[in-house]
Amino acid sequence: MEDLQTAERARDAVVLLNYDLPPHALSLWLSCSYRVCADGGANRVQDLRAAYDAATKELNYNGDDVFKHPHRIVGDMDSVWGSVASLYRDNKAYGCLLDDQSDDQDSTDFVKCLRAIVKHKPEVKRVFTLGALGGRLDHVLYNMKTLFDFPELEIVLIGDHSMARAVPAGETIIKRDTRYKLMHCGLVPLQGDARVSTVGLKWDLNDEVMSFNAGGLISTSNQFIEDKVVIRTDVPLLFTASPPMPL
């Protein structure tokens, strides 16, 4: 059940991509202090609105309308519906800026959104990305690559059944979602060979070299056996979890 009264988290932003909304998307959307749509992702706001209306009905909620519109729509503006663009262009009270960046054809709309967050909301340190792990595989691969392009941000990619984030070089502690008895996870060295040690996984790594090259070691289909996992690596890694970790 969605939480309609979730307090905003000042250091968190959310980016809405143009793909199916994952579970609990509405609660996450409402909880982030800065909300950005990647071009056609703005078309999905109506799905969030529908989820909001359904939740208010289910909860018999009669309070103020606390649905939140995006602060910014960023991209080429070639996939956002005309009706959606007009809605935000003509209703200034919604406080949404249409940020047309069609002159930049070398960057994805997702990357443009992240740059906008860094520029206009520098206090944000974590970015949740809804709809980032479904649809075309080439899009998903680029989204994963983008995790490593903004080291100043903790970017979390969220799909229907999984999440992904970058683990920086050094030591990182990741907590398990205790609602789930079984939590699958993976560590993948997308940034080059990495020497890795872990504590808290079913198949821990002990100062082992991981490589994405042919014949190299990667750690997929692993599992949490503790409430938290310690990861030590000399090169940034991709971390995946299923079901998604707590947000």
C-alpha atoms as a PDB file:
ATOM      1  CA  MET A   1       0.000   0.000   0.000  1.00  0.00           C
ATOM      2  CA  GLU A   2       1.392   3.411  -0.957  1.00  0.00           C
ATOM      3  CA  ASP A   3       2.228   5.962   1.742  1.00  0.00           C
ATOM      4  CA  LEU A   4       0.678   9.290   0.739  1.00  0.00           C
ATOM      5  CA  GLN A   5       2.196  11.250   3.614  1.00  0.00           C
ATOM      6  CA  THR A   6       5.837  10.344   3.028  1.00  0.00           C
ATOM      7  CA  ALA A   7       8.134  13.177   4.102  1.00  0.00           C
ATOM      8  CA  GLU A   8      10.450  14.516   1.425  1.00  0.00           C
ATOM      9  CA  ARG A   9      14.124  13.625   1.680  1.00  0.00           C
ATOM     10  CA  ALA A  10      16.150  16.739   0.893  1.00  0.00           C
ATOM     11  CA  ARG A  11      19.204  14.933  -0.472  1.00  0.00           C
ATOM     12  CA  ASP A  12      17.219  12.546  -2.699  1.00  0.00           C
ATOM     13  CA  ALA A  13      16.008  13.058  -6.270  1.00  0.00           C
ATOM     14  CA  VAL A  14      14.037  10.792  -8.575  1.00  0.00           C
ATOM     15  CA  VAL A  15      14.256  10.447 -12.353  1.00  0.00           C
ATOM     16  CA  LEU A  16      11.290   8.976 -14.207  1.00  0.00           C
ATOM     17  CA  LEU A  17      12.153   7.173 -17.449  1.00  0.00           C
ATOM     18  CA  ASN A  18       9.688   6.233 -20.163  1.00  0.00           C
ATOM     19  CA  TYR A  19       9.111   2.632 -19.128  1.00  0.00           C
ATOM     20  CA  ASP A  20       6.729   0.658 -16.916  1.00  0.00           C
ATOM     21  CA  LEU A  21       6.640   1.863 -13.328  1.00  0.00           C
ATOM     22  CA  PRO A  22       8.155  -0.503 -10.748  1.00  0.00           C
ATOM     23  CA  PRO A  23       6.326  -1.370  -7.500  1.00  0.00           C
ATOM     24  CA  HIS A  24       6.146   1.405  -4.900  1.00  0.00           C
ATOM     25  CA  ALA A  25       7.017   4.024  -7.517  1.00  0.00           C
ATOM     26  CA  LEU A  26       4.457   6.437  -6.088  1.00  0.00           C
ATOM     27  CA  SER A  27       5.878   6.408  -2.549  1.00  0.00           C
ATOM     28  CA  LEU A  28       9.352   6.995  -3.932  1.00  0.00           C
ATOM     29  CA  TRP A  29       8.143   9.793  -6.201  1.00  0.00           C
ATOM     30  CA  LEU A  30       6.431  11.551  -3.290  1.00  0.00           C
ATOM     31  CA  SER A  31       9.390  11.147  -0.928  1.00  0.00           C
ATOM     32  CA  CYS A  32      12.101  12.759  -3.078  1.00  0.00           C
ATOM     33  CA  SER A  33      12.685  16.495  -2.864  1.00  0.00           C
ATOM     34  CA  TYR A  34      13.470  16.878  -6.579  1.00  0.00           C
ATOM     35  CA  ARG A  35      11.512  15.137  -9.333  1.00  0.00           C
ATOM     36  CA  VAL A  36      12.737  14.994 -12.933  1.00  0.00           C
ATOM     37  CA  CYS A  37      11.255  13.313 -16.007  1.00  0.00           C
ATOM     38  CA  ALA A  38      13.414  12.175 -18.902  1.00  0.00           C
ATOM     39  CA  ASP A  39      11.459  13.407 -21.946  1.00  0.00           C
ATOM     40  CA  GLY A  40       8.713  10.797 -22.518  1.00  0.00           C
ATOM     41  CA  GLY A  41       8.998   9.768 -18.891  1.00  0.00           C
ATOM     42  CA  ALA A  42       6.651  12.695 -18.292  1.00  0.00           C
ATOM     43  CA  ASN A  43       3.924  10.636 -19.970  1.00  0.00           C
ATOM     44  CA  ARG A  44       4.196   8.241 -17.017  1.00  0.00           C
ATOM     45  CA  VAL A  45       3.201  10.921 -14.520  1.00  0.00           C
ATOM     46  CA  GLN A  46      -0.421  10.156 -15.360  1.00  0.00           C
ATOM     47  CA  ASP A  47       0.235   6.554 -14.243  1.00  0.00           C
ATOM     48  CA  LEU A  48       1.548   7.899 -10.940  1.00  0.00           C
ATOM     49  CA  ARG A  49      -1.530  10.098 -10.659  1.00  0.00           C
ATOM     50  CA  ALA A  50      -3.767   7.067 -11.256  1.00  0.00           C
ATOM     51  CA  ALA A  51      -1.877   5.143  -8.556  1.00  0.00           C
ATOM     52  CA  TYR A  52      -2.304   8.111  -6.219  1.00  0.00           C
ATOM     53  CA  ASP A  53      -6.060   8.297  -6.844  1.00  0.00           C
ATOM     54  CA  ALA A  54      -6.398   4.534  -6.297  1.00  0.00           C
ATOM     55  CA  ALA A  55      -4.451   4.750  -3.044  1.00  0.00           C
ATOM     56  CA  THR A  56      -6.541   7.631  -1.703  1.00  0.00           C
ATOM     57  CA  LYS A  57      -9.679   5.637  -2.428  1.00  0.00           C
ATOM     58  CA  GLU A  58      -8.323   2.478  -0.803  1.00  0.00           C
ATOM     59  CA  LEU A  59      -7.190   4.391   2.278  1.00  0.00           C
ATOM     60  CA  ASN A  60     -10.381   6.472   2.459  1.00  0.00           C
ATOM     61  CA  TYR A  61      -8.073   9.473   2.466  1.00  0.00           C
ATOM     62  CA  ASN A  62      -9.969  12.764   2.609  1.00  0.00           C
ATOM     63  CA  GLY A  63      -7.091  15.147   3.274  1.00  0.00           C
ATOM     64  CA  ASP A  64      -5.447  17.657   0.981  1.00  0.00           C
ATOM     65  CA  ASP A  65      -4.298  16.588  -2.466  1.00  0.00           C
ATOM     66  CA  VAL A  66      -0.599  15.920  -1.869  1.00  0.00           C
ATOM     67  CA  PHE A  67       0.227  14.569  -5.328  1.00  0.00           C
ATOM     68  CA  LYS A  68       3.462  16.101  -6.590  1.00  0.00           C
ATOM     69  CA  HIS A  69       4.260  17.073 -10.153  1.00  0.00           C
ATOM     70  CA  PRO A  70       7.743  17.033 -11.686  1.00  0.00           C
ATOM     71  CA  HIS A  71      10.034  19.989 -11.194  1.00  0.00           C
ATOM     72  CA  ARG A  72      11.665  19.514 -14.576  1.00  0.00           C
ATOM     73  CA  ILE A  73      11.184  17.649 -17.871  1.00  0.00           C
ATOM     74  CA  VAL A  74      14.543  17.232 -19.599  1.00  0.00           C
ATOM     75  CA  GLY A  75      15.432  15.911 -23.043  1.00  0.00           C
ATOM     76  CA  ASP A  76      14.930  16.238 -26.779  1.00  0.00           C
ATOM     77  CA  MET A  77      11.171  16.715 -26.319  1.00  0.00           C
ATOM     78  CA  ASP A  78      10.563  14.209 -29.104  1.00  0.00           C
ATOM     79  CA  SER A  79       8.716  11.581 -27.070  1.00  0.00           C
ATOM     80  CA  VAL A  80       6.774  13.595 -24.492  1.00  0.00           C
ATOM     81  CA  TRP A  81       3.140  13.804 -25.590  1.00  0.00           C
ATOM     82  CA  GLY A  82       1.995  17.194 -26.807  1.00  0.00           C
ATOM     83  CA  SER A  83      -0.857  17.176 -24.287  1.00  0.00           C
ATOM     84  CA  VAL A  84       1.583  16.568 -21.427  1.00  0.00           C
ATOM     85  CA  ALA A  85       3.971  19.276 -22.597  1.00  0.00           C
ATOM     86  CA  SER A  86       1.061  21.705 -22.925  1.00  0.00           C
ATOM     87  CA  LEU A  87      -0.219  20.819 -19.455  1.00  0.00           C
ATOM     88  CA  TYR A  88       3.013  21.890 -17.818  1.00  0.00           C
ATOM     89  CA  ARG A  89       3.738  24.754 -20.199  1.00  0.00           C
ATOM     90  CA  ASP A  90       0.308  26.314 -19.630  1.00  0.00           C
ATOM     91  CA  ASN A  91      -0.070  25.647 -15.891  1.00  0.00           C
ATOM     92  CA  LYS A  92       2.739  27.527 -14.181  1.00  0.00           C
ATOM     93  CA  ALA A  93       1.268  26.662 -10.777  1.00  0.00           C
ATOM     94  CA  TYR A  94       2.597  23.113 -11.209  1.00  0.00           C
ATOM     95  CA  GLY A  95       6.113  24.560 -11.103  1.00  0.00           C
ATOM     96  CA  CYS A  96       7.496  22.349 -13.881  1.00  0.00           C
ATOM     97  CA  LEU A  97      10.140  23.613 -16.309  1.00  0.00           C
ATOM     98  CA  LEU A  98      10.414  22.137 -19.807  1.00  0.00           C
ATOM     99  CA  ASP A  99      14.164  21.913 -20.410  1.00  0.00           C
ATOM    100  CA  ASP A 100      14.617  21.367 -24.162  1.00  0.00           C
ATOM    101  CA  GLN A 101      18.106  20.013 -24.826  1.00  0.00           C
ATOM    102  CA  SER A 102      17.553  18.825 -28.389  1.00  0.00           C
ATOM    103  CA  ASP A 103      20.766  20.570 -29.450  1.00  0.00           C
ATOM    104  CA  ASP A 104      22.733  17.863 -27.611  1.00  0.00           C
ATOM    105  CA  GLN A 105      22.509  14.670 -29.659  1.00  0.00           C
ATOM    106  CA  ASP A 106      25.493  12.962 -28.028  1.00  0.00           C
ATOM    107  CA  SER A 107      23.907  12.344 -24.612  1.00  0.00           C
ATOM    108  CA  THR A 108      20.936  10.271 -23.521  1.00  0.00           C
ATOM    109  CA  ASP A 109      17.970  11.956 -21.856  1.00  0.00           C
ATOM    110  CA  PHE A 110      18.910  10.139 -18.644  1.00  0.00           C
ATOM    111  CA  VAL A 111      22.378  11.698 -18.680  1.00  0.00           C
ATOM    112  CA  LYS A 112      20.842  15.111 -19.378  1.00  0.00           C
ATOM    113  CA  CYS A 113      18.605  14.660 -16.335  1.00  0.00           C
ATOM    114  CA  LEU A 114      21.566  13.836 -14.114  1.00  0.00           C
ATOM    115  CA  ARG A 115      23.484  16.869 -15.354  1.00  0.00           C
ATOM    116  CA  ALA A 116      20.458  19.044 -14.619  1.00  0.00           C
ATOM    117  CA  ILE A 117      20.281  17.677 -11.078  1.00  0.00           C
ATOM    118  CA  VAL A 118      23.981  18.343 -10.469  1.00  0.00           C
ATOM    119  CA  LYS A 119      23.637  21.887 -11.828  1.00  0.00           C
ATOM    120  CA  HIS A 120      20.320  22.982 -10.356  1.00  0.00           C
ATOM    121  CA  LYS A 121      20.078  20.898  -7.176  1.00  0.00           C
ATOM    122  CA  PRO A 122      23.670  20.426  -5.944  1.00  0.00           C
ATOM    123  CA  GLU A 123      22.543  19.352  -2.469  1.00  0.00           C
ATOM    124  CA  VAL A 124      21.176  16.112  -3.954  1.00  0.00           C
ATOM    125  CA  LYS A 125      23.467  13.154  -3.283  1.00  0.00           C
ATOM    126  CA  ARG A 126      21.260  10.195  -4.239  1.00  0.00           C
ATOM    127  CA  VAL A 127      19.152   9.677  -7.368  1.00  0.00           C
ATOM    128  CA  PHE A 128      16.543   6.937  -7.767  1.00  0.00           C
ATOM    129  CA  THR A 129      15.784   6.073 -11.391  1.00  0.00           C
ATOM    130  CA  LEU A 130      12.394   4.502 -12.080  1.00  0.00           C
ATOM    131  CA  GLY A 131      12.008   2.211 -15.085  1.00  0.00           C
ATOM    132  CA  ALA A 132      15.747   1.857 -15.665  1.00  0.00           C
ATOM    133  CA  LEU A 133      16.011  -1.949 -15.823  1.00  0.00           C
ATOM    134  CA  GLY A 134      13.441  -2.976 -18.391  1.00  0.00           C
ATOM    135  CA  GLY A 135      12.797  -2.727 -22.110  1.00  0.00           C
ATOM    136  CA  ARG A 136      15.597  -2.507 -24.653  1.00  0.00           C
ATOM    137  CA  LEU A 137      18.831  -4.144 -23.551  1.00  0.00           C
ATOM    138  CA  ASP A 138      20.999  -1.448 -25.152  1.00  0.00           C
ATOM    139  CA  HIS A 139      19.209   1.150 -23.003  1.00  0.00           C
ATOM    140  CA  VAL A 140      19.753  -0.934 -19.874  1.00  0.00           C
ATOM    141  CA  LEU A 141      23.456  -1.382 -20.635  1.00  0.00           C
ATOM    142  CA  TYR A 142      23.897   2.351 -21.119  1.00  0.00           C
ATOM    143  CA  ASN A 143      22.042   3.031 -17.868  1.00  0.00           C
ATOM    144  CA  MET A 144      24.460   0.716 -16.073  1.00  0.00           C
ATOM    145  CA  LYS A 145      27.424   2.467 -17.672  1.00  0.00           C
ATOM    146  CA  THR A 146      26.017   5.820 -16.538  1.00  0.00           C
ATOM    147  CA  LEU A 147      26.229   4.720 -12.895  1.00  0.00           C
ATOM    148  CA  PHE A 148      29.992   5.221 -13.086  1.00  0.00           C
ATOM    149  CA  ASP A 149      29.926   8.565 -14.926  1.00  0.00           C
ATOM    150  CA  PHE A 150      28.685  10.583 -11.934  1.00  0.00           C
ATOM    151  CA  PRO A 151      30.854   9.577  -8.954  1.00  0.00           C
ATOM    152  CA  GLU A 152      29.474  12.511  -6.953  1.00  0.00           C
ATOM    153  CA  LEU A 153      26.023  10.874  -6.998  1.00  0.00           C
ATOM    154  CA  GLU A 154      24.734   7.574  -5.642  1.00  0.00           C
ATOM    155  CA  ILE A 155      22.532   6.536  -8.557  1.00  0.00           C
ATOM    156  CA  VAL A 156      20.113   3.656  -8.029  1.00  0.00           C
ATOM    157  CA  LEU A 157      18.512   1.955 -11.045  1.00  0.00           C
ATOM    158  CA  ILE A 158      15.145   0.401 -10.212  1.00  0.00           C
ATOM    159  CA  GLY A 159      13.113  -2.127 -12.181  1.00  0.00           C
ATOM    160  CA  ASP A 160      10.222  -4.459 -11.477  1.00  0.00           C
ATOM    161  CA  HIS A 161      12.267  -7.123  -9.710  1.00  0.00           C
ATOM    162  CA  SER A 162      15.796  -5.768  -9.341  1.00  0.00           C
ATOM    163  CA  MET A 163      17.916  -2.757  -8.551  1.00  0.00           C
ATOM    164  CA  ALA A 164      21.474  -1.822  -9.457  1.00  0.00           C
ATOM    165  CA  ARG A 165      23.994   0.704  -8.179  1.00  0.00           C
ATOM    166  CA  ALA A 166      27.720   1.342  -8.310  1.00  0.00           C
ATOM    167  CA  VAL A 167      29.990   0.332  -5.446  1.00  0.00           C
ATOM    168  CA  PRO A 168      32.947   2.759  -5.289  1.00  0.00           C
ATOM    169  CA  ALA A 169      36.531   1.745  -4.668  1.00  0.00           C
ATOM    170  CA  GLY A 170      37.246   1.271  -0.971  1.00  0.00           C
ATOM    171  CA  GLU A 171      34.924  -0.209   1.649  1.00  0.00           C
ATOM    172  CA  THR A 172      31.140  -0.129   1.315  1.00  0.00           C
ATOM    173  CA  ILE A 173      28.474  -1.498   3.670  1.00  0.00           C
ATOM    174  CA  ILE A 174      25.118  -2.495   2.165  1.00  0.00           C
ATOM    175  CA  LYS A 175      22.193  -3.416   4.400  1.00  0.00           C
ATOM    176  CA  ARG A 176      19.762  -6.184   3.550  1.00  0.00           C
ATOM    177  CA  ASP A 177      16.023  -5.590   3.335  1.00  0.00           C
ATOM    178  CA  THR A 178      14.891  -7.682   6.308  1.00  0.00           C
ATOM    179  CA  ARG A 179      11.357  -7.987   4.897  1.00  0.00           C
ATOM    180  CA  TYR A 180      12.695 -10.667   2.562  1.00  0.00           C
ATOM    181  CA  LYS A 181      14.036 -13.977   3.810  1.00  0.00           C
ATOM    182  CA  LEU A 182      15.970 -14.543   0.585  1.00  0.00           C
ATOM    183  CA  MET A 183      17.894 -11.711  -1.066  1.00  0.00           C
ATOM    184  CA  HIS A 184      19.825 -12.439  -4.251  1.00  0.00           C
ATOM    185  CA  CYS A 185      22.661 -10.147  -5.268  1.00  0.00           C
ATOM    186  CA  GLY A 186      25.553  -9.832  -7.663  1.00  0.00           C
ATOM    187  CA  LEU A 187      28.894  -8.066  -8.025  1.00  0.00           C
ATOM    188  CA  VAL A 188      30.134  -7.404 -11.555  1.00  0.00           C
ATOM    189  CA  PRO A 189      33.460  -5.721 -12.498  1.00  0.00           C
ATOM    190  CA  LEU A 190      32.300  -3.510 -15.363  1.00  0.00           C
ATOM    191  CA  GLN A 191      35.124  -0.995 -14.830  1.00  0.00           C
ATOM    192  CA  GLY A 192      38.023  -3.392 -15.276  1.00  0.00           C
ATOM    193  CA  ASP A 193      39.667  -6.137 -13.249  1.00  0.00           C
ATOM    194  CA  ALA A 194      39.088  -5.688  -9.517  1.00  0.00           C
ATOM    195  CA  ARG A 195      40.495  -7.260  -6.374  1.00  0.00           C
ATOM    196  CA  VAL A 196      37.529  -7.872  -4.081  1.00  0.00           C
ATOM    197  CA  SER A 197      36.781  -9.141  -0.587  1.00  0.00           C
ATOM    198  CA  THR A 198      33.328  -9.475   0.983  1.00  0.00           C
ATOM    199  CA  VAL A 199      31.797 -10.384   4.333  1.00  0.00           C
ATOM    200  CA  GLY A 200      28.177 -11.464   4.722  1.00  0.00           C
ATOM    201  CA  LEU A 201      27.504 -13.279   1.448  1.00  0.00           C
ATOM    202  CA  LYS A 202      26.780 -16.969   0.978  1.00  0.00           C
ATOM    203  CA  TRP A 203      29.778 -17.156  -1.351  1.00  0.00           C
ATOM    204  CA  ASP A 204      32.188 -14.573   0.014  1.00  0.00           C
ATOM    205  CA  LEU A 205      35.142 -13.317  -1.985  1.00  0.00           C
ATOM    206  CA  ASN A 206      38.537 -13.383  -0.268  1.00  0.00           C
ATOM    207  CA  ASP A 207      40.926 -10.959  -1.963  1.00  0.00           C
ATOM    208  CA  GLU A 208      39.995 -12.476  -5.319  1.00  0.00           C
ATOM    209  CA  VAL A 209      40.474 -10.901  -8.732  1.00  0.00           C
ATOM    210  CA  MET A 210      37.220 -10.407 -10.632  1.00  0.00           C
ATOM    211  CA  SER A 211      37.183  -9.827 -14.378  1.00  0.00           C
ATOM    212  CA  PHE A 212      34.520  -9.372 -17.053  1.00  0.00           C
ATOM    213  CA  ASN A 213      36.924 -10.733 -19.654  1.00  0.00           C
ATOM    214  CA  ALA A 214      36.517 -14.230 -21.090  1.00  0.00           C
ATOM    215  CA  GLY A 215      37.152 -16.837 -18.409  1.00  0.00           C
ATOM    216  CA  GLY A 216      37.129 -14.246 -15.621  1.00  0.00           C
ATOM    217  CA  LEU A 217      35.377 -14.495 -12.267  1.00  0.00           C
ATOM    218  CA  ILE A 218      32.187 -12.565 -11.542  1.00  0.00           C
ATOM    219  CA  SER A 219      29.833 -13.022  -8.604  1.00  0.00           C
ATOM    220  CA  THR A 220      26.215 -13.451  -9.703  1.00  0.00           C
ATOM    221  CA  SER A 221      23.390 -15.453  -8.096  1.00  0.00           C
ATOM    222  CA  ASN A 222      24.953 -14.760  -4.712  1.00  0.00           C
ATOM    223  CA  GLN A 223      22.888 -14.316  -1.532  1.00  0.00           C
ATOM    224  CA  PHE A 224      22.886 -12.280   1.656  1.00  0.00           C
ATOM    225  CA  ILE A 225      23.345 -14.420   4.776  1.00  0.00           C
ATOM    226  CA  GLU A 226      23.778 -11.449   7.127  1.00  0.00           C
ATOM    227  CA  ASP A 227      21.747  -8.272   7.593  1.00  0.00           C
ATOM    228  CA  LYS A 228      24.594  -6.314   6.069  1.00  0.00           C
ATOM    229  CA  VAL A 229      27.372  -7.031   3.610  1.00  0.00           C
ATOM    230  CA  VAL A 230      30.830  -5.465   3.623  1.00  0.00           C
ATOM    231  CA  ILE A 231      32.479  -5.019   0.210  1.00  0.00           C
ATOM    232  CA  ARG A 232      36.120  -4.041  -0.263  1.00  0.00           C
ATOM    233  CA  THR A 233      37.358  -3.374  -3.782  1.00  0.00           C
ATOM    234  CA  ASP A 234      40.144  -1.462  -5.500  1.00  0.00           C
ATOM    235  CA  VAL A 235      37.998  -0.729  -8.578  1.00  0.00           C
ATOM    236  CA  PRO A 236      34.324   0.348  -8.690  1.00  0.00           C
ATOM    237  CA  LEU A 237      31.837  -2.506  -9.153  1.00  0.00           C
ATOM    238  CA  LEU A 238      28.246  -2.954 -10.266  1.00  0.00           C
ATOM    239  CA  PHE A 239      26.042  -4.220  -7.420  1.00  0.00           C
ATOM    240  CA  THR A 240      22.643  -5.789  -8.137  1.00  0.00           C
ATOM    241  CA  ALA A 241      19.936  -6.988  -5.774  1.00  0.00           C
ATOM    242  CA  SER A 242      16.637  -8.790  -6.171  1.00  0.00           C
ATOM    243  CA  PRO A 243      14.132  -7.996  -4.747  1.00  0.00           C
ATOM    244  CA  PRO A 244      15.155  -4.320  -4.710  1.00  0.00           C
ATOM    245  CA  MET A 245      16.831  -3.040  -1.563  1.00  0.00           C
ATOM    246  CA  PRO A 246      15.033  -0.681   0.848  1.00  0.00           C
ATOM    247  CA  LEU A 247      14.624   2.826  -0.538  1.00  0.00           C
END
